């Protein structure tokens, strides 16, 4: 059996998240997000490029949590999918896209935070954190 996977997006919140409601009354959180871009050089080093910016949206419980927990500048990891849609403009119709976040969390590699565990997690004994082996002393 194969491991179920989903598309992901790693970036930062570029605009203040806005909470709206769909015509059916469901919560909808919209925001602009930035994605850092890097170029690998011939010598193996990396050069940071300008970020790209995209639309991201979340619905219902993910929208509520995103609106409550995220601020402009926060780093995130989200899983979901890309939604393409058509918009009529001055020069005819244009295809646009947005990332629909089904799940989202702060990027642990870039965010300091404290985890508040529920009662059941607190009942479990703590395990020692594995340490790397000592190297030639």
C-alpha atoms as a PDB file:
ATOM      1  CA  UNK A   1       0.000   0.000   0.000  1.00  0.00           C
ATOM      2  CA  UNK A   2       1.442   3.379  -0.963  1.00  0.00           C
ATOM      3  CA  UNK A   3       1.777   6.318   1.425  1.00  0.00           C
ATOM      4  CA  UNK A   4      -0.995   8.866   0.812  1.00  0.00           C
ATOM      5  CA  UNK A   5       0.529  12.242  -0.049  1.00  0.00           C
ATOM      6  CA  UNK A   6      -0.772  15.706  -0.816  1.00  0.00           C
ATOM      7  CA  UNK A   7       0.619  18.840  -2.450  1.00  0.00           C
ATOM      8  CA  UNK A   8       2.264  21.260  -0.024  1.00  0.00           C
ATOM      9  CA  UNK A   9       3.306  24.895   0.019  1.00  0.00           C
ATOM     10  CA  UNK A  10       6.008  26.408   2.238  1.00  0.00           C
ATOM     11  CA  UNK A  11       6.187  30.176   2.583  1.00  0.00           C
ATOM     12  CA  UNK A  12       5.326  33.234   4.641  1.00  0.00           C
ATOM     13  CA  UNK A  13       2.140  35.226   5.163  1.00  0.00           C
ATOM     14  CA  UNK A  14       2.538  38.385   3.053  1.00  0.00           C
ATOM     15  CA  UNK A  15      -0.763  40.121   3.876  1.00  0.00           C
ATOM     16  CA  UNK A  16      -3.028  40.269   6.886  1.00  0.00           C
ATOM     17  CA  UNK A  17      -5.398  37.253   6.729  1.00  0.00           C
ATOM     18  CA  UNK A  18      -9.002  38.324   6.065  1.00  0.00           C
ATOM     19  CA  UNK A  19     -12.016  36.306   7.203  1.00  0.00           C
ATOM     20  CA  UNK A  20     -15.016  36.286   4.866  1.00  0.00           C
ATOM     21  CA  UNK A  21     -18.080  34.104   4.434  1.00  0.00           C
ATOM     22  CA  UNK A  22     -19.207  32.203   1.345  1.00  0.00           C
ATOM     23  CA  UNK A  23     -22.747  32.570  -0.025  1.00  0.00           C
ATOM     24  CA  UNK A  24     -23.551  29.338   1.846  1.00  0.00           C
ATOM     25  CA  UNK A  25     -22.293  30.879   5.113  1.00  0.00           C
ATOM     26  CA  UNK A  26     -19.021  28.928   5.442  1.00  0.00           C
ATOM     27  CA  UNK A  27     -15.932  30.710   6.751  1.00  0.00           C
ATOM     28  CA  UNK A  28     -13.299  31.612   4.162  1.00  0.00           C
ATOM     29  CA  UNK A  29      -9.876  33.053   5.017  1.00  0.00           C
ATOM     30  CA  UNK A  30      -7.942  34.736   2.201  1.00  0.00           C
ATOM     31  CA  UNK A  31      -4.403  36.068   2.146  1.00  0.00           C
ATOM     32  CA  UNK A  32      -1.359  36.658  -0.056  1.00  0.00           C
ATOM     33  CA  UNK A  33       1.623  34.444   0.619  1.00  0.00           C
ATOM     34  CA  UNK A  34       5.254  34.683  -0.397  1.00  0.00           C
ATOM     35  CA  UNK A  35       7.489  31.794  -1.427  1.00  0.00           C
ATOM     36  CA  UNK A  36      11.251  32.202  -1.140  1.00  0.00           C
ATOM     37  CA  UNK A  37      13.206  31.370  -4.286  1.00  0.00           C
ATOM     38  CA  UNK A  38      16.825  30.236  -4.536  1.00  0.00           C
ATOM     39  CA  UNK A  39      19.179  29.551  -7.443  1.00  0.00           C
ATOM     40  CA  UNK A  40      21.973  26.987  -7.184  1.00  0.00           C
ATOM     41  CA  UNK A  41      25.234  28.332  -8.560  1.00  0.00           C
ATOM     42  CA  UNK A  42      27.921  26.372 -10.441  1.00  0.00           C
ATOM     43  CA  UNK A  43      30.177  26.396  -7.335  1.00  0.00           C
ATOM     44  CA  UNK A  44      27.426  24.737  -5.265  1.00  0.00           C
ATOM     45  CA  UNK A  45      26.418  27.875  -3.347  1.00  0.00           C
ATOM     46  CA  UNK A  46      22.888  29.328  -3.419  1.00  0.00           C
ATOM     47  CA  UNK A  47      21.773  32.833  -4.323  1.00  0.00           C
ATOM     48  CA  UNK A  48      18.561  34.144  -2.812  1.00  0.00           C
ATOM     49  CA  UNK A  49      16.173  35.549  -5.428  1.00  0.00           C
ATOM     50  CA  UNK A  50      13.097  37.726  -4.996  1.00  0.00           C
ATOM     51  CA  UNK A  51      10.144  35.799  -3.564  1.00  0.00           C
ATOM     52  CA  UNK A  52       7.097  34.980  -5.659  1.00  0.00           C
ATOM     53  CA  UNK A  53       3.645  35.936  -4.350  1.00  0.00           C
ATOM     54  CA  UNK A  54       0.437  33.934  -4.587  1.00  0.00           C
ATOM     55  CA  UNK A  55      -3.147  33.823  -3.319  1.00  0.00           C
ATOM     56  CA  UNK A  56      -4.040  31.325  -0.604  1.00  0.00           C
ATOM     57  CA  UNK A  57      -7.465  30.461   0.767  1.00  0.00           C
ATOM     58  CA  UNK A  58      -8.759  28.197   3.531  1.00  0.00           C
ATOM     59  CA  UNK A  59     -12.317  27.196   4.388  1.00  0.00           C
ATOM     60  CA  UNK A  60     -14.346  26.327   7.494  1.00  0.00           C
ATOM     61  CA  UNK A  61     -12.284  25.113  10.489  1.00  0.00           C
ATOM     62  CA  UNK A  62      -8.976  25.698   8.688  1.00  0.00           C
ATOM     63  CA  UNK A  63     -10.121  29.244   7.877  1.00  0.00           C
ATOM     64  CA  UNK A  64     -11.032  29.930  11.530  1.00  0.00           C
ATOM     65  CA  UNK A  65      -7.726  28.594  12.836  1.00  0.00           C
ATOM     66  CA  UNK A  66      -5.667  30.377  10.169  1.00  0.00           C
ATOM     67  CA  UNK A  67      -7.372  33.682  10.925  1.00  0.00           C
ATOM     68  CA  UNK A  68      -6.925  33.240  14.682  1.00  0.00           C
ATOM     69  CA  UNK A  69      -3.318  31.988  14.696  1.00  0.00           C
ATOM     70  CA  UNK A  70      -1.468  33.562  11.766  1.00  0.00           C
ATOM     71  CA  UNK A  71      -0.176  37.085  11.274  1.00  0.00           C
ATOM     72  CA  UNK A  72       1.619  38.858   8.456  1.00  0.00           C
ATOM     73  CA  UNK A  73       5.238  37.645   8.396  1.00  0.00           C
ATOM     74  CA  UNK A  74       4.590  34.187   9.912  1.00  0.00           C
ATOM     75  CA  UNK A  75       6.278  31.222   8.220  1.00  0.00           C
ATOM     76  CA  UNK A  76       3.981  28.310   7.388  1.00  0.00           C
ATOM     77  CA  UNK A  77       3.719  24.855   5.886  1.00  0.00           C
ATOM     78  CA  UNK A  78       0.356  24.047   4.285  1.00  0.00           C
ATOM     79  CA  UNK A  79      -1.055  21.013   2.518  1.00  0.00           C
ATOM     80  CA  UNK A  80      -3.837  21.228  -0.013  1.00  0.00           C
ATOM     81  CA  UNK A  81      -4.181  21.786  -3.749  1.00  0.00           C
ATOM     82  CA  UNK A  82      -4.038  24.427  -6.476  1.00  0.00           C
ATOM     83  CA  UNK A  83      -7.409  25.713  -7.686  1.00  0.00           C
ATOM     84  CA  UNK A  84      -7.524  27.329 -11.128  1.00  0.00           C
ATOM     85  CA  UNK A  85     -10.379  29.621 -12.080  1.00  0.00           C
ATOM     86  CA  UNK A  86     -11.289  31.977 -14.902  1.00  0.00           C
ATOM     87  CA  UNK A  87     -11.749  35.731 -14.467  1.00  0.00           C
ATOM     88  CA  UNK A  88     -13.103  38.099 -17.101  1.00  0.00           C
ATOM     89  CA  UNK A  89     -10.798  41.089 -17.585  1.00  0.00           C
ATOM     90  CA  UNK A  90     -10.299  43.997 -19.950  1.00  0.00           C
ATOM     91  CA  UNK A  91      -8.380  41.837 -22.415  1.00  0.00           C
ATOM     92  CA  UNK A  92     -10.707  38.840 -22.190  1.00  0.00           C
ATOM     93  CA  UNK A  93     -10.758  35.976 -19.768  1.00  0.00           C
ATOM     94  CA  UNK A  94      -7.681  35.156 -17.691  1.00  0.00           C
ATOM     95  CA  UNK A  95      -6.868  31.941 -15.818  1.00  0.00           C
ATOM     96  CA  UNK A  96      -5.848  32.608 -12.204  1.00  0.00           C
ATOM     97  CA  UNK A  97      -4.818  30.231  -9.463  1.00  0.00           C
ATOM     98  CA  UNK A  98      -4.888  30.047  -5.690  1.00  0.00           C
ATOM     99  CA  UNK A  99      -3.594  27.520  -3.184  1.00  0.00           C
ATOM    100  CA  UNK A 100      -6.410  25.975  -1.144  1.00  0.00           C
ATOM    101  CA  UNK A 101      -4.994  25.045   2.267  1.00  0.00           C
ATOM    102  CA  UNK A 102      -6.711  22.039   3.827  1.00  0.00           C
ATOM    103  CA  UNK A 103      -4.217  21.962   6.722  1.00  0.00           C
ATOM    104  CA  UNK A 104      -1.752  24.625   7.838  1.00  0.00           C
ATOM    105  CA  UNK A 105       0.789  25.039  10.596  1.00  0.00           C
ATOM    106  CA  UNK A 106       3.704  27.236  11.533  1.00  0.00           C
ATOM    107  CA  UNK A 107       7.020  26.184   9.999  1.00  0.00           C
ATOM    108  CA  UNK A 108       8.946  24.573  12.876  1.00  0.00           C
ATOM    109  CA  UNK A 109      12.263  25.349  11.152  1.00  0.00           C
ATOM    110  CA  UNK A 110      11.619  29.086  11.362  1.00  0.00           C
ATOM    111  CA  UNK A 111       9.183  29.581  14.266  1.00  0.00           C
ATOM    112  CA  UNK A 112       9.764  29.516  18.022  1.00  0.00           C
ATOM    113  CA  UNK A 113       6.732  28.173  19.851  1.00  0.00           C
ATOM    114  CA  UNK A 114       5.516  26.262  22.873  1.00  0.00           C
ATOM    115  CA  UNK A 115       3.325  23.180  22.554  1.00  0.00           C
ATOM    116  CA  UNK A 116       0.468  22.900  25.069  1.00  0.00           C
ATOM    117  CA  UNK A 117      -0.361  19.218  25.210  1.00  0.00           C
ATOM    118  CA  UNK A 118      -3.703  17.803  26.263  1.00  0.00           C
ATOM    119  CA  UNK A 119      -4.163  15.792  29.452  1.00  0.00           C
ATOM    120  CA  UNK A 120      -3.576  12.430  27.751  1.00  0.00           C
ATOM    121  CA  UNK A 121      -0.267  13.498  26.263  1.00  0.00           C
ATOM    122  CA  UNK A 122       0.883  14.768  29.669  1.00  0.00           C
ATOM    123  CA  UNK A 123       0.208  11.333  31.195  1.00  0.00           C
ATOM    124  CA  UNK A 124       2.787   9.675  28.957  1.00  0.00           C
ATOM    125  CA  UNK A 125       6.339   9.498  30.281  1.00  0.00           C
ATOM    126  CA  UNK A 126       8.896  11.670  28.532  1.00  0.00           C
ATOM    127  CA  UNK A 127      11.467   9.819  26.488  1.00  0.00           C
ATOM    128  CA  UNK A 128      15.090  10.838  26.196  1.00  0.00           C
ATOM    129  CA  UNK A 129      16.049  12.743  23.081  1.00  0.00           C
ATOM    130  CA  UNK A 130      18.566  10.705  21.061  1.00  0.00           C
ATOM    131  CA  UNK A 131      22.018  12.281  20.983  1.00  0.00           C
ATOM    132  CA  UNK A 132      24.473  11.981  18.104  1.00  0.00           C
ATOM    133  CA  UNK A 133      27.338   9.538  18.711  1.00  0.00           C
ATOM    134  CA  UNK A 134      30.558  10.977  20.140  1.00  0.00           C
ATOM    135  CA  UNK A 135      33.172  11.501  17.463  1.00  0.00           C
ATOM    136  CA  UNK A 136      36.845  10.507  18.108  1.00  0.00           C
ATOM    137  CA  UNK A 137      37.819  11.982  21.446  1.00  0.00           C
END
